[in-house]
Structures are given as C-alpha cells and as structure tokens.
C-alpha cells in the first residue's frame, strides 16, 4: 500500500471514529447555539444601554440591522423570549424553543449558557419574573 493510500485510509478511519464518539458534532445544535447566542447578545445589549430589560420584541426593532436574525427567528416562532429578565442567573430561562416546555429542546439561560432540557427540567427551572 502506497503512502497516499495509507494516509487516505487513516483519514477515513479517523472520520469514522470521530462520528462514533459520544460527543459527535451536531450541526443543528451548533446553529441553535449561534442563534440563541445572538438573542443573548441582543438582550444584554438592550439591558446595558437602557438600564432595564426589554419587555417586548419591539424593543429590539431599533437594532433591526444589527439583530435581523434575532428578529426573524423570534417572529417566525423558532424561539420564545422571556421578557423582563434582568439578572444573569444560571438557573433562569431567557429564551427557548417552544417544544422545550412539552417535550425537550434547547434553552438559553440568563447567564448565556445554552442547554438541552427535557420538559421536566424546563418546568423545574426558575420562573421568569
């Protein structure tokens, strides 16, 4: 077997092994983390600039050009935002996929972390104000 064939075989085995590991890459989760990160940035930017939390989606519309993706995902119903959160508490939900409340889904916490939660975990998280 030639050197090129050996490298190709090794690369193929490495890819297969990586795909079989417990922590394999999930492209959908990566997109959700990015989108929820944008929601967090927008929310915290508003909170800092106004010294109070946003209370509705219209509060973000002045930043339409900067946060167009946030506005689109929330208007389309992909995520729900919990309005009025003013603390960066790891146990408080800031935004979530609507299905998280009934099944399971991805949730943005007020400290900026993104987690997958079951419906039971979602229901036991700290309620919004």
N, C-alpha and C. Protein backbone atom coordinates (compact mmCIF):
# COMPACT_ATOMS: atom_id res chain seq x y z
N UNK A 1 0.86 -1.17 0.00
CA UNK A 1 0.00 0.00 0.00
C UNK A 1 0.90 1.23 0.00
N UNK A 2 0.61 2.19 -0.88
CA UNK A 2 1.41 3.40 -1.01
C UNK A 2 1.15 4.38 0.12
N UNK A 3 1.99 5.37 0.22
CA UNK A 3 1.89 6.37 1.29
C UNK A 3 0.58 7.16 1.20
N UNK A 4 0.18 7.49 -0.03
CA UNK A 4 -1.07 8.25 -0.20
C UNK A 4 -2.26 7.40 0.21
N UNK A 5 -2.27 6.14 -0.17
CA UNK A 5 -3.36 5.24 0.19
C UNK A 5 -3.43 5.06 1.70
N UNK A 6 -2.28 4.96 2.36
CA UNK A 6 -2.25 4.80 3.81
C UNK A 6 -2.82 6.06 4.50
N UNK A 7 -2.44 7.24 4.00
CA UNK A 7 -2.97 8.48 4.58
C UNK A 7 -4.48 8.57 4.39
N UNK A 8 -4.95 8.19 3.21
CA UNK A 8 -6.39 8.22 2.94
C UNK A 8 -7.13 7.26 3.85
N UNK A 9 -6.56 6.06 4.04
CA UNK A 9 -7.18 5.08 4.93
C UNK A 9 -7.21 5.61 6.36
N UNK A 10 -6.10 6.17 6.81
CA UNK A 10 -6.02 6.72 8.16
C UNK A 10 -7.04 7.85 8.34
N UNK A 11 -7.15 8.74 7.36
CA UNK A 11 -8.10 9.86 7.45
C UNK A 11 -9.53 9.33 7.50
N UNK A 12 -9.84 8.33 6.71
CA UNK A 12 -11.18 7.75 6.70
C UNK A 12 -11.50 7.12 8.05
N UNK A 13 -10.55 6.38 8.60
CA UNK A 13 -10.76 5.76 9.92
C UNK A 13 -10.94 6.81 11.01
N UNK A 14 -10.18 7.88 10.92
CA UNK A 14 -10.30 8.95 11.91
C UNK A 14 -11.68 9.60 11.86
N UNK A 15 -12.18 9.83 10.64
CA UNK A 15 -13.51 10.42 10.48
C UNK A 15 -14.58 9.47 11.01
N UNK A 16 -14.46 8.19 10.70
CA UNK A 16 -15.43 7.21 11.18
C UNK A 16 -15.39 7.11 12.71
N UNK A 17 -14.21 7.11 13.27
CA UNK A 17 -14.08 7.04 14.72
C UNK A 17 -14.68 8.28 15.37
N UNK A 18 -14.44 9.44 14.81
CA UNK A 18 -15.00 10.68 15.36
C UNK A 18 -16.51 10.66 15.30
N UNK A 19 -17.08 10.10 14.25
CA UNK A 19 -18.53 10.03 14.10
C UNK A 19 -19.18 9.08 15.07
N UNK A 20 -18.42 8.13 15.62
CA UNK A 20 -18.95 7.14 16.54
C UNK A 20 -18.76 7.52 18.00
N UNK A 21 -18.12 8.63 18.25
CA UNK A 21 -17.89 9.02 19.64
C UNK A 21 -19.14 9.61 20.24
N UNK A 22 -19.19 9.60 21.53
CA UNK A 22 -20.35 10.09 22.28
C UNK A 22 -20.61 11.57 22.03
N UNK A 23 -19.59 12.37 21.90
CA UNK A 23 -19.75 13.81 21.74
C UNK A 23 -19.62 14.26 20.30
N UNK A 24 -20.18 13.53 19.36
CA UNK A 24 -20.04 13.89 17.96
C UNK A 24 -20.75 15.21 17.66
N UNK A 25 -20.31 15.86 16.62
CA UNK A 25 -20.79 17.19 16.23
C UNK A 25 -22.22 17.12 15.72
N UNK A 26 -23.07 17.99 16.22
CA UNK A 26 -24.45 18.09 15.78
C UNK A 26 -24.63 19.46 15.13
N UNK A 27 -24.74 19.51 13.79
CA UNK A 27 -24.84 20.81 13.11
C UNK A 27 -26.09 21.60 13.50
N UNK A 28 -27.20 20.92 13.78
CA UNK A 28 -28.41 21.64 14.19
C UNK A 28 -28.22 22.32 15.54
N UNK A 29 -27.56 21.63 16.46
CA UNK A 29 -27.30 22.21 17.77
C UNK A 29 -26.35 23.40 17.63
N UNK A 30 -25.39 23.31 16.74
CA UNK A 30 -24.46 24.43 16.52
C UNK A 30 -25.21 25.66 16.03
N UNK A 31 -26.16 25.48 15.13
CA UNK A 31 -26.97 26.61 14.62
C UNK A 31 -27.81 27.20 15.75
N UNK A 32 -28.45 26.33 16.54
CA UNK A 32 -29.28 26.81 17.64
C UNK A 32 -28.44 27.56 18.68
N UNK A 33 -27.25 27.07 18.97
CA UNK A 33 -26.37 27.77 19.91
C UNK A 33 -25.98 29.14 19.38
N UNK A 34 -25.70 29.22 18.09
CA UNK A 34 -25.35 30.52 17.50
C UNK A 34 -26.53 31.48 17.57
N UNK A 35 -27.72 30.99 17.18
CA UNK A 35 -28.91 31.85 17.20
C UNK A 35 -29.26 32.30 18.62
N UNK A 36 -29.20 31.39 19.56
CA UNK A 36 -29.50 31.75 20.95
C UNK A 36 -28.43 32.68 21.50
N UNK A 37 -27.19 32.51 21.07
CA UNK A 37 -26.13 33.44 21.46
C UNK A 37 -26.40 34.84 20.95
N UNK A 38 -26.96 34.95 19.74
CA UNK A 38 -27.33 36.25 19.19
C UNK A 38 -28.47 36.87 19.99
N UNK A 39 -29.42 36.05 20.41
CA UNK A 39 -30.52 36.55 21.26
C UNK A 39 -29.94 37.07 22.57
N UNK A 40 -29.02 36.33 23.17
CA UNK A 40 -28.38 36.76 24.41
C UNK A 40 -27.67 38.09 24.22
N UNK A 41 -26.89 38.22 23.14
CA UNK A 41 -26.16 39.46 22.87
C UNK A 41 -27.12 40.64 22.71
N UNK A 42 -28.19 40.43 21.96
CA UNK A 42 -29.17 41.48 21.73
C UNK A 42 -29.84 41.88 23.04
N UNK A 43 -30.25 40.88 23.82
CA UNK A 43 -30.93 41.13 25.09
C UNK A 43 -30.04 41.90 26.04
N UNK A 44 -28.79 41.45 26.18
CA UNK A 44 -27.86 42.10 27.11
C UNK A 44 -27.45 43.49 26.63
N UNK A 45 -27.35 43.68 25.32
CA UNK A 45 -27.04 44.99 24.77
C UNK A 45 -28.15 45.98 25.11
N UNK A 46 -29.39 45.54 24.96
CA UNK A 46 -30.53 46.40 25.31
C UNK A 46 -30.52 46.71 26.80
N UNK A 47 -30.31 45.67 27.62
CA UNK A 47 -30.30 45.84 29.07
C UNK A 47 -29.24 46.85 29.51
N UNK A 48 -28.06 46.74 28.93
CA UNK A 48 -26.96 47.65 29.28
C UNK A 48 -27.25 49.08 28.82
N UNK A 49 -27.74 49.23 27.59
CA UNK A 49 -27.98 50.56 27.03
C UNK A 49 -29.14 51.28 27.71
N UNK A 50 -30.13 50.53 28.16
CA UNK A 50 -31.34 51.14 28.70
C UNK A 50 -31.48 51.00 30.21
N UNK A 51 -30.57 50.28 30.83
CA UNK A 51 -30.59 50.03 32.27
C UNK A 51 -31.90 49.41 32.74
N UNK A 52 -32.52 48.68 31.86
CA UNK A 52 -33.72 47.92 32.18
C UNK A 52 -33.86 46.83 31.12
N UNK A 53 -34.51 45.72 31.44
CA UNK A 53 -34.65 44.65 30.46
C UNK A 53 -35.71 44.97 29.40
N UNK A 54 -35.57 44.39 28.23
CA UNK A 54 -36.62 44.57 27.22
C UNK A 54 -37.89 43.87 27.68
N UNK A 55 -39.02 44.39 27.24
CA UNK A 55 -40.31 43.82 27.65
C UNK A 55 -41.11 43.27 26.47
N UNK A 56 -40.61 43.52 25.25
CA UNK A 56 -41.31 43.04 24.06
C UNK A 56 -40.36 43.06 22.87
N UNK A 57 -40.71 42.37 21.81
CA UNK A 57 -39.88 42.30 20.63
C UNK A 57 -39.66 43.67 19.99
N UNK A 58 -40.61 44.54 20.11
CA UNK A 58 -40.48 45.89 19.54
C UNK A 58 -39.29 46.63 20.13
N UNK A 59 -38.88 46.28 21.34
CA UNK A 59 -37.71 46.92 21.95
C UNK A 59 -36.44 46.65 21.15
N UNK A 60 -36.41 45.54 20.41
CA UNK A 60 -35.24 45.19 19.61
C UNK A 60 -35.27 45.80 18.22
N UNK A 61 -36.41 46.32 17.79
CA UNK A 61 -36.54 46.77 16.41
C UNK A 61 -35.68 47.96 16.06
N UNK A 62 -35.27 48.76 17.05
CA UNK A 62 -34.35 49.86 16.76
C UNK A 62 -32.98 49.33 16.36
N UNK A 63 -32.71 48.09 16.68
CA UNK A 63 -31.45 47.45 16.32
C UNK A 63 -31.67 46.48 15.15
N UNK A 64 -32.66 46.74 14.34
CA UNK A 64 -33.08 45.84 13.27
C UNK A 64 -31.92 45.38 12.38
N UNK A 65 -31.08 46.29 11.95
CA UNK A 65 -29.99 45.92 11.05
C UNK A 65 -28.97 45.02 11.74
N UNK A 66 -28.68 45.32 12.99
CA UNK A 66 -27.68 44.56 13.72
C UNK A 66 -28.19 43.18 14.14
N UNK A 67 -29.46 43.10 14.49
CA UNK A 67 -30.01 41.86 15.00
C UNK A 67 -31.16 41.33 14.14
N UNK A 68 -31.03 41.43 12.85
CA UNK A 68 -32.09 40.97 11.94
C UNK A 68 -32.38 39.49 12.12
N UNK A 69 -31.35 38.68 12.35
CA UNK A 69 -31.55 37.24 12.53
C UNK A 69 -32.33 36.96 13.81
N UNK A 70 -32.06 37.70 14.88
CA UNK A 70 -32.80 37.52 16.13
C UNK A 70 -34.28 37.82 15.89
N UNK A 71 -34.55 38.94 15.26
CA UNK A 71 -35.94 39.31 15.00
C UNK A 71 -36.65 38.27 14.15
N UNK A 72 -35.96 37.77 13.13
CA UNK A 72 -36.56 36.76 12.25
C UNK A 72 -36.89 35.48 13.00
N UNK A 73 -35.93 34.96 13.79
CA UNK A 73 -36.17 33.68 14.47
C UNK A 73 -37.27 33.78 15.52
N UNK A 74 -37.38 34.93 16.17
CA UNK A 74 -38.43 35.10 17.17
C UNK A 74 -39.78 35.32 16.49
N UNK A 75 -39.82 36.17 15.46
CA UNK A 75 -41.08 36.39 14.72
C UNK A 75 -41.59 35.10 14.08
N UNK A 76 -40.68 34.27 13.59
CA UNK A 76 -41.06 33.00 12.96
C UNK A 76 -41.48 31.94 13.98
N UNK A 77 -41.31 32.22 15.26
CA UNK A 77 -41.72 31.29 16.30
C UNK A 77 -40.70 30.20 16.62
N UNK A 78 -39.48 30.34 16.10
CA UNK A 78 -38.47 29.32 16.39
C UNK A 78 -38.06 29.37 17.86
N UNK A 79 -38.04 30.57 18.44
CA UNK A 79 -37.69 30.75 19.84
C UNK A 79 -38.68 31.68 20.51
N UNK A 80 -38.85 31.48 21.81
CA UNK A 80 -39.64 32.40 22.63
C UNK A 80 -38.68 33.06 23.61
N UNK A 81 -38.86 34.34 23.83
CA UNK A 81 -38.03 35.08 24.77
C UNK A 81 -38.85 35.34 26.02
N UNK A 82 -38.20 35.21 27.17
CA UNK A 82 -38.83 35.54 28.44
C UNK A 82 -38.49 37.00 28.71
N UNK A 83 -39.46 37.86 28.59
CA UNK A 83 -39.24 39.30 28.72
C UNK A 83 -39.14 39.70 30.18
N UNK A 84 -38.35 40.73 30.47
CA UNK A 84 -38.26 41.28 31.80
C UNK A 84 -37.19 40.67 32.70
N UNK A 85 -36.39 39.74 32.19
CA UNK A 85 -35.32 39.14 32.99
C UNK A 85 -34.18 40.15 33.10
N UNK A 86 -33.78 40.46 34.33
CA UNK A 86 -32.72 41.46 34.48
C UNK A 86 -31.50 40.95 35.24
N UNK A 87 -31.48 39.68 35.61
CA UNK A 87 -30.33 39.10 36.30
C UNK A 87 -29.68 38.05 35.42
N UNK A 88 -28.39 37.93 35.53
CA UNK A 88 -27.66 36.90 34.79
C UNK A 88 -27.56 35.64 35.64
N UNK A 89 -28.69 35.04 35.93
CA UNK A 89 -28.78 33.87 36.77
C UNK A 89 -28.73 32.59 35.94
N UNK A 90 -27.85 31.68 36.30
CA UNK A 90 -27.68 30.43 35.55
C UNK A 90 -28.92 29.56 35.58
N UNK A 91 -29.79 29.75 36.54
CA UNK A 91 -30.98 28.91 36.65
C UNK A 91 -32.22 29.51 36.03
N UNK A 92 -32.13 30.70 35.48
CA UNK A 92 -33.29 31.38 34.91
C UNK A 92 -33.28 31.28 33.39
N UNK A 93 -34.41 30.90 32.83
CA UNK A 93 -34.53 30.78 31.38
C UNK A 93 -34.73 32.15 30.76
N UNK A 94 -33.97 32.42 29.71
CA UNK A 94 -34.07 33.70 28.98
C UNK A 94 -34.78 33.51 27.64
N UNK A 95 -34.51 32.40 26.95
CA UNK A 95 -35.18 32.11 25.67
C UNK A 95 -35.17 30.59 25.48
N UNK A 96 -36.08 30.11 24.64
CA UNK A 96 -36.18 28.66 24.47
C UNK A 96 -36.94 28.30 23.20
N UNK A 97 -36.72 27.07 22.77
CA UNK A 97 -37.53 26.51 21.69
C UNK A 97 -38.90 26.20 22.29
N UNK A 98 -39.98 26.53 21.62
CA UNK A 98 -41.31 26.27 22.18
C UNK A 98 -41.55 24.82 22.59
N UNK A 99 -40.96 23.87 21.87
CA UNK A 99 -41.17 22.46 22.19
C UNK A 99 -40.49 22.03 23.49
N UNK A 100 -39.60 22.86 24.03
CA UNK A 100 -38.90 22.52 25.27
C UNK A 100 -39.87 22.37 26.43
N UNK A 101 -40.94 23.12 26.43
CA UNK A 101 -41.91 23.07 27.52
C UNK A 101 -42.72 21.78 27.56
N UNK A 102 -42.90 21.15 26.41
CA UNK A 102 -43.74 19.95 26.34
C UNK A 102 -42.97 18.67 26.05
N UNK A 103 -41.82 18.77 25.39
CA UNK A 103 -41.05 17.58 25.02
C UNK A 103 -39.64 17.73 25.57
N UNK A 104 -38.81 18.30 24.75
CA UNK A 104 -37.43 18.66 25.11
C UNK A 104 -36.96 19.64 24.06
N UNK A 105 -35.94 20.40 24.39
CA UNK A 105 -35.45 21.38 23.43
C UNK A 105 -34.28 22.16 23.98
N UNK A 106 -33.81 23.08 23.17
CA UNK A 106 -32.66 23.89 23.51
C UNK A 106 -33.14 25.15 24.22
N UNK A 107 -32.42 25.50 25.30
CA UNK A 107 -32.82 26.61 26.16
C UNK A 107 -31.62 27.52 26.40
N UNK A 108 -31.86 28.83 26.36
CA UNK A 108 -30.84 29.83 26.69
C UNK A 108 -31.08 30.29 28.12
N UNK A 109 -30.06 30.18 28.93
CA UNK A 109 -30.17 30.62 30.31
C UNK A 109 -29.74 32.09 30.41
N UNK A 110 -30.13 32.75 31.49
CA UNK A 110 -29.85 34.18 31.65
C UNK A 110 -28.36 34.49 31.82
N UNK A 111 -27.55 33.47 32.08
CA UNK A 111 -26.10 33.70 32.16
C UNK A 111 -25.41 33.48 30.82
N UNK A 112 -26.18 33.17 29.78
CA UNK A 112 -25.64 33.00 28.44
C UNK A 112 -25.36 31.57 28.05
N UNK A 113 -25.52 30.62 28.96
CA UNK A 113 -25.29 29.23 28.59
C UNK A 113 -26.48 28.69 27.81
N UNK A 114 -26.20 27.74 26.94
CA UNK A 114 -27.23 27.08 26.14
C UNK A 114 -27.23 25.61 26.53
N UNK A 115 -28.43 25.10 26.84
CA UNK A 115 -28.56 23.71 27.29
C UNK A 115 -29.69 23.02 26.56
N UNK A 116 -29.57 21.71 26.46
CA UNK A 116 -30.71 20.90 26.04
C UNK A 116 -31.43 20.49 27.31
N UNK A 117 -32.75 20.64 27.33
CA UNK A 117 -33.53 20.29 28.52
C UNK A 117 -34.70 19.41 28.15
N UNK A 118 -35.04 18.52 29.08
CA UNK A 118 -36.27 17.77 28.96
C UNK A 118 -37.41 18.68 29.44
N UNK A 119 -38.64 18.27 29.20
CA UNK A 119 -39.79 19.06 29.66
C UNK A 119 -39.78 19.18 31.18
N UNK A 120 -39.40 18.13 31.88
CA UNK A 120 -39.36 18.16 33.35
C UNK A 120 -38.30 19.14 33.84
N UNK A 121 -37.14 19.15 33.22
CA UNK A 121 -36.09 20.09 33.59
C UNK A 121 -36.55 21.52 33.31
N UNK A 122 -37.20 21.71 32.18
CA UNK A 122 -37.71 23.04 31.81
C UNK A 122 -38.69 23.54 32.86
N UNK A 123 -39.60 22.68 33.27
CA UNK A 123 -40.63 23.08 34.23
C UNK A 123 -40.05 23.36 35.61
N UNK A 124 -38.92 22.74 35.93
CA UNK A 124 -38.32 22.97 37.26
C UNK A 124 -37.32 24.14 37.27
N UNK A 125 -37.02 24.69 36.11
CA UNK A 125 -36.12 25.85 36.05
C UNK A 125 -36.80 27.05 36.69
N UNK A 126 -35.98 28.01 37.10
CA UNK A 126 -36.55 29.20 37.77
C UNK A 126 -37.51 29.92 36.84
N UNK A 127 -38.65 30.28 37.36
CA UNK A 127 -39.61 31.02 36.53
C UNK A 127 -39.14 32.45 36.29
N UNK A 128 -39.63 32.99 35.23
CA UNK A 128 -39.35 34.39 34.90
C UNK A 128 -40.08 35.28 35.87
N UNK A 129 -39.67 36.54 35.95
CA UNK A 129 -40.36 37.49 36.86
C UNK A 129 -41.81 37.69 36.48
